[in-house]
Amino acid sequence: MFEPNTVFLGSRPSVPHECSSRAEAELVFAIAQAGLRGPVPLPATEAECGSVLRRLRSRLAQGNKLIEQLAADKAGSDRLQEQVAGILRHWFIHGQRS
């Protein structure tokens, strides 16, 4: 039913996306899970996909840690902290509109 090189994108109905390797599938999943949508250039080899995936996970973890710290320092209530963190995460992934 589930293949290690297949990522199901979207919902109702989800669309299967066949990848050339497990590393590429994990990279595509991590990119989608981060919230980035649309065409994204991917590395050509499995080794490069693994390297990019490790760097992506590290960057996301560092970014989320910094975002949480900034939101906690700059916003008073928990609700406001969540809102500020949400905006900062969006900018972190998609960039700020100019």
C-alpha atoms as a PDB file:
ATOM      1  CA  MET A   1       0.000   0.000   0.000  1.00  0.00           C
ATOM      2  CA  PHE A   2       2.669   2.519   0.999  1.00  0.00           C
ATOM      3  CA  GLU A   3       5.946   2.640  -0.872  1.00  0.00           C
ATOM      4  CA  PRO A   4       9.095   4.150   0.677  1.00  0.00           C
ATOM      5  CA  ASN A   5       9.682   6.324  -2.407  1.00  0.00           C
ATOM      6  CA  THR A   6       6.141   7.733  -2.573  1.00  0.00           C
ATOM      7  CA  VAL A   7       4.915  10.889  -0.881  1.00  0.00           C
ATOM      8  CA  PHE A   8       1.195  11.656  -0.787  1.00  0.00           C
ATOM      9  CA  LEU A   9       0.625  15.388  -1.189  1.00  0.00           C
ATOM     10  CA  GLY A  10      -2.566  17.297  -0.482  1.00  0.00           C
ATOM     11  CA  SER A  11      -5.785  15.896   0.840  1.00  0.00           C
ATOM     12  CA  ARG A  12      -9.186  14.871  -0.377  1.00  0.00           C
ATOM     13  CA  PRO A  13      -7.889  13.233  -2.487  1.00  0.00           C
ATOM     14  CA  SER A  14      -4.168  13.079  -1.867  1.00  0.00           C
ATOM     15  CA  VAL A  15      -1.931  12.872  -4.915  1.00  0.00           C
ATOM     16  CA  PRO A  16       0.892  10.330  -4.904  1.00  0.00           C
ATOM     17  CA  HIS A  17       4.280  11.718  -5.923  1.00  0.00           C
ATOM     18  CA  GLU A  18       6.864   9.108  -6.912  1.00  0.00           C
ATOM     19  CA  CYS A  19      10.422   9.988  -5.939  1.00  0.00           C
ATOM     20  CA  SER A  20      13.638   8.480  -7.252  1.00  0.00           C
ATOM     21  CA  SER A  21      14.835   7.488  -3.761  1.00  0.00           C
ATOM     22  CA  ARG A  22      13.809   7.281  -0.122  1.00  0.00           C
ATOM     23  CA  ALA A  23      16.028  10.294   0.647  1.00  0.00           C
ATOM     24  CA  GLU A  24      14.257  12.351  -2.013  1.00  0.00           C
ATOM     25  CA  ALA A  25      10.870  11.282  -0.637  1.00  0.00           C
ATOM     26  CA  GLU A  26      11.897  12.341   2.873  1.00  0.00           C
ATOM     27  CA  LEU A  27      13.145  15.685   1.538  1.00  0.00           C
ATOM     28  CA  VAL A  28       9.893  16.315  -0.367  1.00  0.00           C
ATOM     29  CA  PHE A  29       7.901  15.418   2.763  1.00  0.00           C
ATOM     30  CA  ALA A  30       9.994  17.752   4.961  1.00  0.00           C
ATOM     31  CA  ILE A  31       9.565  20.607   2.475  1.00  0.00           C
ATOM     32  CA  ALA A  32       5.793  20.073   2.344  1.00  0.00           C
ATOM     33  CA  GLN A  33       5.557  19.702   6.120  1.00  0.00           C
ATOM     34  CA  ALA A  34       7.385  23.026   6.536  1.00  0.00           C
ATOM     35  CA  GLY A  35       4.595  24.625   4.521  1.00  0.00           C
ATOM     36  CA  LEU A  36       6.335  25.406   1.252  1.00  0.00           C
ATOM     37  CA  ARG A  37       4.084  24.857  -1.753  1.00  0.00           C
ATOM     38  CA  GLY A  38       4.741  24.826  -5.467  1.00  0.00           C
ATOM     39  CA  PRO A  39       7.639  23.701  -7.611  1.00  0.00           C
ATOM     40  CA  VAL A  40      10.933  23.236  -5.772  1.00  0.00           C
ATOM     41  CA  PRO A  41      14.186  22.180  -7.458  1.00  0.00           C
ATOM     42  CA  LEU A  42      15.554  18.992  -5.896  1.00  0.00           C
ATOM     43  CA  PRO A  43      19.085  17.607  -5.840  1.00  0.00           C
ATOM     44  CA  ALA A  44      19.906  15.005  -8.484  1.00  0.00           C
ATOM     45  CA  THR A  45      21.384  12.268  -6.301  1.00  0.00           C
ATOM     46  CA  GLU A  46      20.284  10.393  -3.199  1.00  0.00           C
ATOM     47  CA  ALA A  47      23.386  11.539  -1.313  1.00  0.00           C
ATOM     48  CA  GLU A  48      22.695  15.188  -2.148  1.00  0.00           C
ATOM     49  CA  CYS A  49      19.053  14.788  -1.074  1.00  0.00           C
ATOM     50  CA  GLY A  50      20.207  13.379   2.256  1.00  0.00           C
ATOM     51  CA  SER A  51      22.633  16.247   2.750  1.00  0.00           C
ATOM     52  CA  VAL A  52      20.016  18.888   1.901  1.00  0.00           C
ATOM     53  CA  LEU A  53      17.497  17.163   4.184  1.00  0.00           C
ATOM     54  CA  ARG A  54      19.917  17.255   7.134  1.00  0.00           C
ATOM     55  CA  ARG A  55      20.672  20.942   6.511  1.00  0.00           C
ATOM     56  CA  LEU A  56      16.956  21.752   6.110  1.00  0.00           C
ATOM     57  CA  ARG A  57      16.044  20.029   9.376  1.00  0.00           C
ATOM     58  CA  SER A  58      18.858  21.822  11.191  1.00  0.00           C
ATOM     59  CA  ARG A  59      17.882  25.212   9.759  1.00  0.00           C
ATOM     60  CA  LEU A  60      14.203  24.687  10.621  1.00  0.00           C
ATOM     61  CA  ALA A  61      15.067  23.633  14.185  1.00  0.00           C
ATOM     62  CA  GLN A  62      17.351  26.639  14.697  1.00  0.00           C
ATOM     63  CA  GLY A  63      14.807  28.982  13.129  1.00  0.00           C
ATOM     64  CA  ASN A  64      11.932  27.664  15.234  1.00  0.00           C
ATOM     65  CA  LYS A  65      14.019  28.000  18.396  1.00  0.00           C
ATOM     66  CA  LEU A  66      14.849  31.614  17.556  1.00  0.00           C
ATOM     67  CA  ILE A  67      11.234  32.363  16.602  1.00  0.00           C
ATOM     68  CA  GLU A  68       9.965  30.993  19.923  1.00  0.00           C
ATOM     69  CA  GLN A  69      12.529  33.079  21.815  1.00  0.00           C
ATOM     70  CA  LEU A  70      11.662  36.250  19.910  1.00  0.00           C
ATOM     71  CA  ALA A  71       7.929  35.732  20.379  1.00  0.00           C
ATOM     72  CA  ALA A  72       8.370  35.094  24.103  1.00  0.00           C
ATOM     73  CA  ASP A  73      10.560  38.193  24.504  1.00  0.00           C
ATOM     74  CA  LYS A  74       8.394  40.564  22.462  1.00  0.00           C
ATOM     75  CA  ALA A  75       4.813  39.464  23.156  1.00  0.00           C
ATOM     76  CA  GLY A  76       3.106  39.465  26.525  1.00  0.00           C
ATOM     77  CA  SER A  77       0.271  36.948  26.441  1.00  0.00           C
ATOM     78  CA  ASP A  78       0.435  33.336  25.254  1.00  0.00           C
ATOM     79  CA  ARG A  79      -2.120  34.111  22.557  1.00  0.00           C
ATOM     80  CA  LEU A  80      -0.102  37.029  21.233  1.00  0.00           C
ATOM     81  CA  GLN A  81       3.104  34.942  21.367  1.00  0.00           C
ATOM     82  CA  GLU A  82       1.447  32.285  19.195  1.00  0.00           C
ATOM     83  CA  GLN A  83       0.299  34.907  16.688  1.00  0.00           C
ATOM     84  CA  VAL A  84       3.741  36.540  16.495  1.00  0.00           C
ATOM     85  CA  ALA A  85       5.435  33.145  16.172  1.00  0.00           C
ATOM     86  CA  GLY A  86       3.013  32.182  13.380  1.00  0.00           C
ATOM     87  CA  ILE A  87       3.808  35.329  11.395  1.00  0.00           C
ATOM     88  CA  LEU A  88       7.545  34.884  11.919  1.00  0.00           C
ATOM     89  CA  ARG A  89       7.352  31.225  10.821  1.00  0.00           C
ATOM     90  CA  HIS A  90       5.506  32.246   7.682  1.00  0.00           C
ATOM     91  CA  TRP A  91       8.163  34.851   6.880  1.00  0.00           C
ATOM     92  CA  PHE A  92      10.903  32.338   7.681  1.00  0.00           C
ATOM     93  CA  ILE A  93       9.517  29.841   5.151  1.00  0.00           C
ATOM     94  CA  HIS A  94       8.023  32.115   2.480  1.00  0.00           C
ATOM     95  CA  GLY A  95       9.780  35.426   2.972  1.00  0.00           C
ATOM     96  CA  GLN A  96       8.199  38.734   3.890  1.00  0.00           C
ATOM     97  CA  ARG A  97       5.997  40.425   1.306  1.00  0.00           C
ATOM     98  CA  SER A  98       7.542  43.573  -0.038  1.00  0.00           C
END
